[in-house]
């Protein structure tokens, strides 16, 4: 487990209302490509500060990239289908 993740989890353990712990944990999870875990962490942090811009930005980034990747995947399926039918 990366040191940054351990530190963030310890922050949350010591003070579950310390929102910075959630932003740090979510960022580490995101960069570890654990996107769904990062989203859950950002949402958990919003329970304590619903206007925290770092948490909201983490969620926006997740939504943007997941939507983008879904579109790319759909395009690839269409291309492969067209190739197979040709």
PDB file of N, CA and C in Angstrom:
ATOM      1  N   UNK A   1       0.857  -1.183   0.000  1.00  0.00           N
ATOM      2  CA  UNK A   1       0.000   0.000   0.000  1.00  0.00           C
ATOM      3  C   UNK A   1       0.900   1.241   0.000  1.00  0.00           C
ATOM      4  N   UNK A   2       0.640   2.183  -0.888  1.00  0.00           N
ATOM      5  CA  UNK A   2       1.446   3.407  -0.945  1.00  0.00           C
ATOM      6  C   UNK A   2       1.374   4.188   0.373  1.00  0.00           C
ATOM      7  N   UNK A   3       2.470   4.831   0.690  1.00  0.00           N
ATOM      8  CA  UNK A   3       2.566   5.600   1.932  1.00  0.00           C
ATOM      9  C   UNK A   3       1.504   6.694   2.003  1.00  0.00           C
ATOM     10  N   UNK A   4       1.242   7.354   0.880  1.00  0.00           N
ATOM     11  CA  UNK A   4       0.237   8.413   0.859  1.00  0.00           C
ATOM     12  C   UNK A   4      -1.146   7.909   1.225  1.00  0.00           C
ATOM     13  N   UNK A   5      -1.470   6.708   0.766  1.00  0.00           N
ATOM     14  CA  UNK A   5      -2.768   6.117   1.084  1.00  0.00           C
ATOM     15  C   UNK A   5      -2.844   5.786   2.573  1.00  0.00           C
ATOM     16  N   UNK A   6      -1.763   5.231   3.113  1.00  0.00           N
ATOM     17  CA  UNK A   6      -1.728   4.930   4.555  1.00  0.00           C
ATOM     18  C   UNK A   6      -1.919   6.196   5.376  1.00  0.00           C
ATOM     19  N   UNK A   7      -1.221   7.255   4.981  1.00  0.00           N
ATOM     20  CA  UNK A   7      -1.327   8.524   5.707  1.00  0.00           C
ATOM     21  C   UNK A   7      -2.750   9.070   5.671  1.00  0.00           C
ATOM     22  N   UNK A   8      -3.367   9.022   4.502  1.00  0.00           N
ATOM     23  CA  UNK A   8      -4.725   9.543   4.365  1.00  0.00           C
ATOM     24  C   UNK A   8      -5.706   8.727   5.199  1.00  0.00           C
ATOM     25  N   UNK A   9      -5.546   7.413   5.168  1.00  0.00           N
ATOM     26  CA  UNK A   9      -6.437   6.561   5.956  1.00  0.00           C
ATOM     27  C   UNK A   9      -6.249   6.804   7.453  1.00  0.00           C
ATOM     28  N   UNK A  10      -5.023   7.062   7.869  1.00  0.00           N
ATOM     29  CA  UNK A  10      -4.760   7.357   9.276  1.00  0.00           C
ATOM     30  C   UNK A  10      -5.415   8.681   9.668  1.00  0.00           C
ATOM     31  N   UNK A  11      -5.346   9.672   8.777  1.00  0.00           N
ATOM     32  CA  UNK A  11      -6.015  10.960   9.030  1.00  0.00           C
ATOM     33  C   UNK A  11      -7.510  10.752   9.258  1.00  0.00           C
ATOM     34  N   UNK A  12      -8.123   9.964   8.406  1.00  0.00           N
ATOM     35  CA  UNK A  12      -9.564   9.705   8.496  1.00  0.00           C
ATOM     36  C   UNK A  12      -9.879   8.915   9.769  1.00  0.00           C
ATOM     37  N   UNK A  13      -9.013   7.972  10.090  1.00  0.00           N
ATOM     38  CA  UNK A  13      -9.220   7.179  11.306  1.00  0.00           C
ATOM     39  C   UNK A  13      -9.174   8.067  12.557  1.00  0.00           C
ATOM     40  N   UNK A  14      -8.204   8.987  12.586  1.00  0.00           N
ATOM     41  CA  UNK A  14      -8.050   9.866  13.752  1.00  0.00           C
ATOM     42  C   UNK A  14      -9.171  10.900  13.854  1.00  0.00           C
ATOM     43  N   UNK A  15      -9.618  11.390  12.689  1.00  0.00           N
ATOM     44  CA  UNK A  15     -10.692  12.391  12.670  1.00  0.00           C
ATOM     45  C   UNK A  15     -11.519  12.217  11.396  1.00  0.00           C
ATOM     46  N   UNK A  16     -12.594  11.452  11.479  1.00  0.00           N
ATOM     47  CA  UNK A  16     -13.412  11.191  10.293  1.00  0.00           C
ATOM     48  C   UNK A  16     -14.001  12.453   9.652  1.00  0.00           C
ATOM     49  N   UNK A  17     -14.011  13.559  10.351  1.00  0.00           N
ATOM     50  CA  UNK A  17     -14.541  14.803   9.783  1.00  0.00           C
ATOM     51  C   UNK A  17     -13.461  15.640   9.090  1.00  0.00           C
ATOM     52  N   UNK A  18     -12.214  15.196   9.127  1.00  0.00           N
ATOM     53  CA  UNK A  18     -11.100  15.916   8.494  1.00  0.00           C
ATOM     54  C   UNK A  18     -11.141  15.662   6.994  1.00  0.00           C
ATOM     55  N   UNK A  19     -11.743  16.590   6.276  1.00  0.00           N
ATOM     56  CA  UNK A  19     -12.029  16.415   4.854  1.00  0.00           C
ATOM     57  C   UNK A  19     -10.761  16.256   4.023  1.00  0.00           C
ATOM     58  N   UNK A  20      -9.680  16.894   4.431  1.00  0.00           N
ATOM     59  CA  UNK A  20      -8.429  16.789   3.675  1.00  0.00           C
ATOM     60  C   UNK A  20      -7.977  15.329   3.568  1.00  0.00           C
ATOM     61  N   UNK A  21      -8.285  14.529   4.567  1.00  0.00           N
ATOM     62  CA  UNK A  21      -7.955  13.103   4.494  1.00  0.00           C
ATOM     63  C   UNK A  21      -8.660  12.419   3.332  1.00  0.00           C
ATOM     64  N   UNK A  22      -9.900  12.803   3.091  1.00  0.00           N
ATOM     65  CA  UNK A  22     -10.668  12.212   1.987  1.00  0.00           C
ATOM     66  C   UNK A  22     -10.138  12.686   0.633  1.00  0.00           C
ATOM     67  N   UNK A  23      -9.769  13.968   0.545  1.00  0.00           N
ATOM     68  CA  UNK A  23      -9.243  14.457  -0.730  1.00  0.00           C
ATOM     69  C   UNK A  23      -7.928  13.766  -1.060  1.00  0.00           C
ATOM     70  N   UNK A  24      -7.095  13.582  -0.050  1.00  0.00           N
ATOM     71  CA  UNK A  24      -5.809  12.906  -0.274  1.00  0.00           C
ATOM     72  C   UNK A  24      -6.013  11.446  -0.633  1.00  0.00           C
ATOM     73  N   UNK A  25      -6.875  10.768   0.112  1.00  0.00           N
ATOM     74  CA  UNK A  25      -7.123   9.354  -0.153  1.00  0.00           C
ATOM     75  C   UNK A  25      -7.708   9.158  -1.552  1.00  0.00           C
ATOM     76  N   UNK A  26      -8.686   9.991  -1.911  1.00  0.00           N
ATOM     77  CA  UNK A  26      -9.286   9.897  -3.236  1.00  0.00           C
ATOM     78  C   UNK A  26      -8.280  10.134  -4.343  1.00  0.00           C
ATOM     79  N   UNK A  27      -7.393  11.100  -4.146  1.00  0.00           N
ATOM     80  CA  UNK A  27      -6.379  11.401  -5.163  1.00  0.00           C
ATOM     81  C   UNK A  27      -5.426  10.223  -5.347  1.00  0.00           C
ATOM     82  N   UNK A  28      -4.996   9.631  -4.240  1.00  0.00           N
ATOM     83  CA  UNK A  28      -4.095   8.475  -4.334  1.00  0.00           C
ATOM     84  C   UNK A  28      -4.800   7.316  -5.040  1.00  0.00           C
ATOM     85  N   UNK A  29      -6.030   7.059  -4.658  1.00  0.00           N
ATOM     86  CA  UNK A  29      -6.780   5.970  -5.299  1.00  0.00           C
ATOM     87  C   UNK A  29      -6.951   6.236  -6.794  1.00  0.00           C
ATOM     88  N   UNK A  30      -7.233   7.471  -7.137  1.00  0.00           N
ATOM     89  CA  UNK A  30      -7.406   7.820  -8.548  1.00  0.00           C
ATOM     90  C   UNK A  30      -6.130   7.541  -9.336  1.00  0.00           C
ATOM     91  N   UNK A  31      -4.994   7.975  -8.793  1.00  0.00           N
ATOM     92  CA  UNK A  31      -3.730   7.783  -9.505  1.00  0.00           C
ATOM     93  C   UNK A  31      -3.269   6.332  -9.491  1.00  0.00           C
ATOM     94  N   UNK A  32      -3.856   5.514  -8.597  1.00  0.00           N
ATOM     95  CA  UNK A  32      -3.593   4.081  -8.598  1.00  0.00           C
ATOM     96  C   UNK A  32      -4.552   3.366  -9.561  1.00  0.00           C
ATOM     97  N   UNK A  33      -5.362   4.153 -10.266  1.00  0.00           N
ATOM     98  CA  UNK A  33      -6.367   3.649 -11.220  1.00  0.00           C
ATOM     99  C   UNK A  33      -7.486   2.878 -10.520  1.00  0.00           C
ATOM    100  N   UNK A  34      -7.724   3.192  -9.259  1.00  0.00           N
ATOM    101  CA  UNK A  34      -8.842   2.633  -8.497  1.00  0.00           C
ATOM    102  C   UNK A  34      -9.966   3.666  -8.511  1.00  0.00           C
ATOM    103  N   UNK A  35     -10.498   3.901  -9.706  1.00  0.00           N
ATOM    104  CA  UNK A  35     -11.426   4.994  -9.929  1.00  0.00           C
ATOM    105  C   UNK A  35     -12.708   4.887  -9.113  1.00  0.00           C
ATOM    106  N   UNK A  36     -13.287   3.703  -9.040  1.00  0.00           N
ATOM    107  CA  UNK A  36     -14.529   3.549  -8.284  1.00  0.00           C
ATOM    108  C   UNK A  36     -14.304   3.781  -6.790  1.00  0.00           C
ATOM    109  N   UNK A  37     -13.164   3.330  -6.288  1.00  0.00           N
ATOM    110  CA  UNK A  37     -12.837   3.575  -4.878  1.00  0.00           C
ATOM    111  C   UNK A  37     -12.637   5.067  -4.625  1.00  0.00           C
ATOM    112  N   UNK A  38     -11.989   5.738  -5.562  1.00  0.00           N
ATOM    113  CA  UNK A  38     -11.774   7.180  -5.418  1.00  0.00           C
ATOM    114  C   UNK A  38     -13.112   7.915  -5.377  1.00  0.00           C
ATOM    115  N   UNK A  39     -14.011   7.540  -6.260  1.00  0.00           N
ATOM    116  CA  UNK A  39     -15.331   8.177  -6.290  1.00  0.00           C
ATOM    117  C   UNK A  39     -16.036   7.989  -4.945  1.00  0.00           C
ATOM    118  N   UNK A  40     -15.990   6.788  -4.419  1.00  0.00           N
ATOM    119  CA  UNK A  40     -16.623   6.509  -3.131  1.00  0.00           C
ATOM    120  C   UNK A  40     -15.984   7.335  -2.011  1.00  0.00           C
ATOM    121  N   UNK A  41     -14.682   7.475  -2.050  1.00  0.00           N
ATOM    122  CA  UNK A  41     -13.976   8.282  -1.044  1.00  0.00           C
ATOM    123  C   UNK A  41     -14.384   9.747  -1.141  1.00  0.00           C
ATOM    124  N   UNK A  42     -14.436  10.280  -2.357  1.00  0.00           N
ATOM    125  CA  UNK A  42     -14.863  11.674  -2.534  1.00  0.00           C
ATOM    126  C   UNK A  42     -16.288  11.869  -2.011  1.00  0.00           C
ATOM    127  N   UNK A  43     -17.163  10.932  -2.313  1.00  0.00           N
ATOM    128  CA  UNK A  43     -18.557  11.036  -1.839  1.00  0.00           C
ATOM    129  C   UNK A  43     -18.624  10.972  -0.309  1.00  0.00           C
ATOM    130  N   UNK A  44     -17.818  10.114   0.279  1.00  0.00           N
ATOM    131  CA  UNK A  44     -17.787  10.002   1.740  1.00  0.00           C
ATOM    132  C   UNK A  44     -17.355  11.329   2.373  1.00  0.00           C
ATOM    133  N   UNK A  45     -16.345  11.952   1.788  1.00  0.00           N
ATOM    134  CA  UNK A  45     -15.879  13.239   2.296  1.00  0.00           C
ATOM    135  C   UNK A  45     -16.924  14.330   2.195  1.00  0.00           C
ATOM    136  N   UNK A  46     -17.738  14.279   1.144  1.00  0.00           N
ATOM    137  CA  UNK A  46     -18.790  15.285   0.968  1.00  0.00           C
ATOM    138  C   UNK A  46     -19.843  15.238   2.065  1.00  0.00           C
ATOM    139  N   UNK A  47     -19.924  14.126   2.773  1.00  0.00           N
ATOM    140  CA  UNK A  47     -20.858  14.050   3.905  1.00  0.00           C
ATOM    141  C   UNK A  47     -20.473  15.039   4.997  1.00  0.00           C
ATOM    142  N   UNK A  48     -19.200  15.384   5.065  1.00  0.00           N
ATOM    143  CA  UNK A  48     -18.700  16.286   6.105  1.00  0.00           C
ATOM    144  C   UNK A  48     -18.537  17.721   5.611  1.00  0.00           C
ATOM    145  N   UNK A  49     -18.390  17.889   4.303  1.00  0.00           N
ATOM    146  CA  UNK A  49     -18.273  19.234   3.724  1.00  0.00           C
ATOM    147  C   UNK A  49     -18.791  19.167   2.292  1.00  0.00           C
ATOM    148  N   UNK A  50     -20.086  19.420   2.144  1.00  0.00           N
ATOM    149  CA  UNK A  50     -20.734  19.250   0.837  1.00  0.00           C
ATOM    150  C   UNK A  50     -20.312  20.281  -0.206  1.00  0.00           C
ATOM    151  N   UNK A  51     -19.576  21.308   0.210  1.00  0.00           N
ATOM    152  CA  UNK A  51     -19.129  22.339  -0.731  1.00  0.00           C
ATOM    153  C   UNK A  51     -17.629  22.301  -0.989  1.00  0.00           C
ATOM    154  N   UNK A  52     -16.951  21.260  -0.534  1.00  0.00           N
ATOM    155  CA  UNK A  52     -15.496  21.187  -0.690  1.00  0.00           C
ATOM    156  C   UNK A  52     -15.145  21.048  -2.173  1.00  0.00           C
ATOM    157  N   UNK A  53     -14.418  22.037  -2.677  1.00  0.00           N
ATOM    158  CA  UNK A  53     -14.116  22.094  -4.108  1.00  0.00           C
ATOM    159  C   UNK A  53     -13.190  20.972  -4.571  1.00  0.00           C
ATOM    160  N   UNK A  54     -12.264  20.546  -3.726  1.00  0.00           N
ATOM    161  CA  UNK A  54     -11.370  19.451  -4.122  1.00  0.00           C
ATOM    162  C   UNK A  54     -12.142  18.145  -4.281  1.00  0.00           C
ATOM    163  N   UNK A  55     -13.052  17.881  -3.365  1.00  0.00           N
ATOM    164  CA  UNK A  55     -13.874  16.670  -3.474  1.00  0.00           C
ATOM    165  C   UNK A  55     -14.778  16.742  -4.696  1.00  0.00           C
ATOM    166  N   UNK A  56     -15.400  17.898  -4.903  1.00  0.00           N
ATOM    167  CA  UNK A  56     -16.281  18.063  -6.062  1.00  0.00           C
ATOM    168  C   UNK A  56     -15.513  17.936  -7.372  1.00  0.00           C
ATOM    169  N   UNK A  57     -14.302  18.475  -7.397  1.00  0.00           N
ATOM    170  CA  UNK A  57     -13.477  18.372  -8.602  1.00  0.00           C
ATOM    171  C   UNK A  57     -13.073  16.919  -8.863  1.00  0.00           C
ATOM    172  N   UNK A  58     -12.795  16.162  -7.799  1.00  0.00           N
ATOM    173  CA  UNK A  58     -12.487  14.745  -7.961  1.00  0.00           C
ATOM    174  C   UNK A  58     -13.649  13.997  -8.590  1.00  0.00           C
ATOM    175  N   UNK A  59     -14.857  14.310  -8.152  1.00  0.00           N
ATOM    176  CA  UNK A  59     -16.051  13.667  -8.723  1.00  0.00           C
ATOM    177  C   UNK A  59     -16.255  14.105 -10.169  1.00  0.00           C
ATOM    178  N   UNK A  60     -16.073  15.390 -10.445  1.00  0.00           N
ATOM    179  CA  UNK A  60     -16.215  15.875 -11.827  1.00  0.00           C
ATOM    180  C   UNK A  60     -15.212  15.181 -12.749  1.00  0.00           C
ATOM    181  N   UNK A  61     -13.997  15.018 -12.285  1.00  0.00           N
ATOM    182  CA  UNK A  61     -12.966  14.358 -13.094  1.00  0.00           C
ATOM    183  C   UNK A  61     -13.358  12.914 -13.376  1.00  0.00           C
ATOM    184  N   UNK A  62     -13.838  12.226 -12.349  1.00  0.00           N
ATOM    185  CA  UNK A  62     -14.290  10.839 -12.517  1.00  0.00           C
ATOM    186  C   UNK A  62     -15.408  10.762 -13.558  1.00  0.00           C
ATOM    187  N   UNK A  63     -16.406  11.617 -13.417  1.00  0.00           N
ATOM    188  CA  UNK A  63     -17.550  11.597 -14.337  1.00  0.00           C
ATOM    189  C   UNK A  63     -17.100  11.918 -15.761  1.00  0.00           C
ATOM    190  N   UNK A  64     -16.239  12.922 -15.912  1.00  0.00           N
ATOM    191  CA  UNK A  64     -15.759  13.311 -17.241  1.00  0.00           C
ATOM    192  C   UNK A  64     -15.063  12.140 -17.929  1.00  0.00           C
ATOM    193  N   UNK A  65     -14.077  11.543 -17.242  1.00  0.00           N
ATOM    194  CA  UNK A  65     -13.296  10.489 -17.874  1.00  0.00           C
ATOM    195  C   UNK A  65     -14.092   9.213 -18.070  1.00  0.00           C
ATOM    196  N   UNK A  66     -14.971   8.885 -17.141  1.00  0.00           N
ATOM    197  CA  UNK A  66     -15.761   7.667 -17.337  1.00  0.00           C
ATOM    198  C   UNK A  66     -16.715   7.844 -18.510  1.00  0.00           C
ATOM    199  N   UNK A  67     -17.277   9.032 -18.675  1.00  0.00           N
ATOM    200  CA  UNK A  67     -18.148   9.311 -19.819  1.00  0.00           C
ATOM    201  C   UNK A  67     -17.351   9.268 -21.118  1.00  0.00           C
ATOM    202  N   UNK A  68     -16.189   9.876 -21.112  1.00  0.00           N
ATOM    203  CA  UNK A  68     -15.319   9.889 -22.279  1.00  0.00           C
ATOM    204  C   UNK A  68     -14.943   8.466 -22.689  1.00  0.00           C
ATOM    205  N   UNK A  69     -14.530   7.660 -21.720  1.00  0.00           N
ATOM    206  CA  UNK A  69     -14.128   6.286 -22.031  1.00  0.00           C
ATOM    207  C   UNK A  69     -15.302   5.447 -22.526  1.00  0.00           C
ATOM    208  N   UNK A  70     -16.489   5.691 -21.992  1.00  0.00           N
ATOM    209  CA  UNK A  70     -17.673   4.990 -22.490  1.00  0.00           C
ATOM    210  C   UNK A  70     -17.922   5.327 -23.961  1.00  0.00           C
ATOM    211  N   UNK A  71     -17.760   6.597 -24.306  1.00  0.00           N
ATOM    212  CA  UNK A  71     -17.948   7.024 -25.699  1.00  0.00           C
ATOM    213  C   UNK A  71     -16.918   6.371 -26.615  1.00  0.00           C
ATOM    214  N   UNK A  72     -15.675   6.347 -26.184  1.00  0.00           N
ATOM    215  CA  UNK A  72     -14.616   5.725 -26.982  1.00  0.00           C
ATOM    216  C   UNK A  72     -14.910   4.244 -27.175  1.00  0.00           C
ATOM    217  N   UNK A  73     -15.325   3.581 -26.129  1.00  0.00           N
ATOM    218  CA  UNK A  73     -15.652   2.160 -26.220  1.00  0.00           C
ATOM    219  C   UNK A  73     -16.797   1.920 -27.205  1.00  0.00           C
ATOM    220  N   UNK A  74     -17.826   2.754 -27.146  1.00  0.00           N
ATOM    221  CA  UNK A  74     -18.954   2.624 -28.078  1.00  0.00           C
ATOM    222  C   UNK A  74     -18.518   2.828 -29.521  1.00  0.00           C
ATOM    223  N   UNK A  75     -17.640   3.782 -29.742  1.00  0.00           N
ATOM    224  CA  UNK A  75     -17.130   4.034 -31.100  1.00  0.00           C
ATOM    225  C   UNK A  75     -16.341   2.828 -31.591  1.00  0.00           C
ATOM    226  N   UNK A  76     -15.510   2.258 -30.718  1.00  0.00           N
ATOM    227  CA  UNK A  76     -14.729   1.082 -31.107  1.00  0.00           C
ATOM    228  C   UNK A  76     -15.639  -0.104 -31.451  1.00  0.00           C
ATOM    229  N   UNK A  77     -16.685  -0.274 -30.690  1.00  0.00           N
ATOM    230  CA  UNK A  77     -17.638  -1.359 -30.977  1.00  0.00           C
ATOM    231  C   UNK A  77     -18.275  -1.137 -32.351  1.00  0.00           C
ATOM    232  N   UNK A  78     -18.662   0.094 -32.640  1.00  0.00           N
ATOM    233  CA  UNK A  78     -19.257   0.398 -33.947  1.00  0.00           C
ATOM    234  C   UNK A  78     -18.275   0.133 -35.085  1.00  0.00           C
ATOM    235  N   UNK A  79     -17.032   0.535 -34.896  1.00  0.00           N
ATOM    236  CA  UNK A  79     -16.005   0.311 -35.928  1.00  0.00           C
ATOM    237  C   UNK A  79     -15.777  -1.179 -36.149  1.00  0.00           C
ATOM    238  N   UNK A  80     -15.636  -1.917 -35.057  1.00  0.00           N
ATOM    239  CA  UNK A  80     -15.411  -3.359 -35.188  1.00  0.00           C
ATOM    240  C   UNK A  80     -16.606  -4.060 -35.824  1.00  0.00           C
ATOM    241  N   UNK A  81     -17.797  -3.631 -35.477  1.00  0.00           N
ATOM    242  CA  UNK A  81     -18.998  -4.214 -36.073  1.00  0.00           C
ATOM    243  C   UNK A  81     -19.029  -3.944 -37.575  1.00  0.00           C
ATOM    244  N   UNK A  82     -18.689  -2.710 -37.967  1.00  0.00           N
ATOM    245  CA  UNK A  82     -18.668  -2.359 -39.385  1.00  0.00           C
ATOM    246  C   UNK A  82     -17.616  -3.180 -40.141  1.00  0.00           C
ATOM    247  N   UNK A  83     -16.456  -3.385 -39.520  1.00  0.00           N
ATOM    248  CA  UNK A  83     -15.399  -4.158 -40.153  1.00  0.00           C
ATOM    249  C   UNK A  83     -15.818  -5.607 -40.322  1.00  0.00           C
ATOM    250  N   UNK A  84     -16.456  -6.152 -39.299  1.00  0.00           N
ATOM    251  CA  UNK A  84     -16.863  -7.560 -39.347  1.00  0.00           C
ATOM    252  C   UNK A  84     -17.999  -7.788 -40.346  1.00  0.00           C
ATOM    253  N   UNK A  85     -18.825  -6.774 -40.551  1.00  0.00           N
ATOM    254  CA  UNK A  85     -19.951  -6.906 -41.484  1.00  0.00           C
ATOM    255  C   UNK A  85     -19.560  -6.607 -42.926  1.00  0.00           C
ATOM    256  N   UNK A  86     -18.403  -6.048 -43.112  1.00  0.00           N
ATOM    257  CA  UNK A  86     -17.972  -5.664 -44.468  1.00  0.00           C
ATOM    258  C   UNK A  86     -17.488  -6.835 -45.267  1.00  0.00           C
TER     259      UNK A  86
END
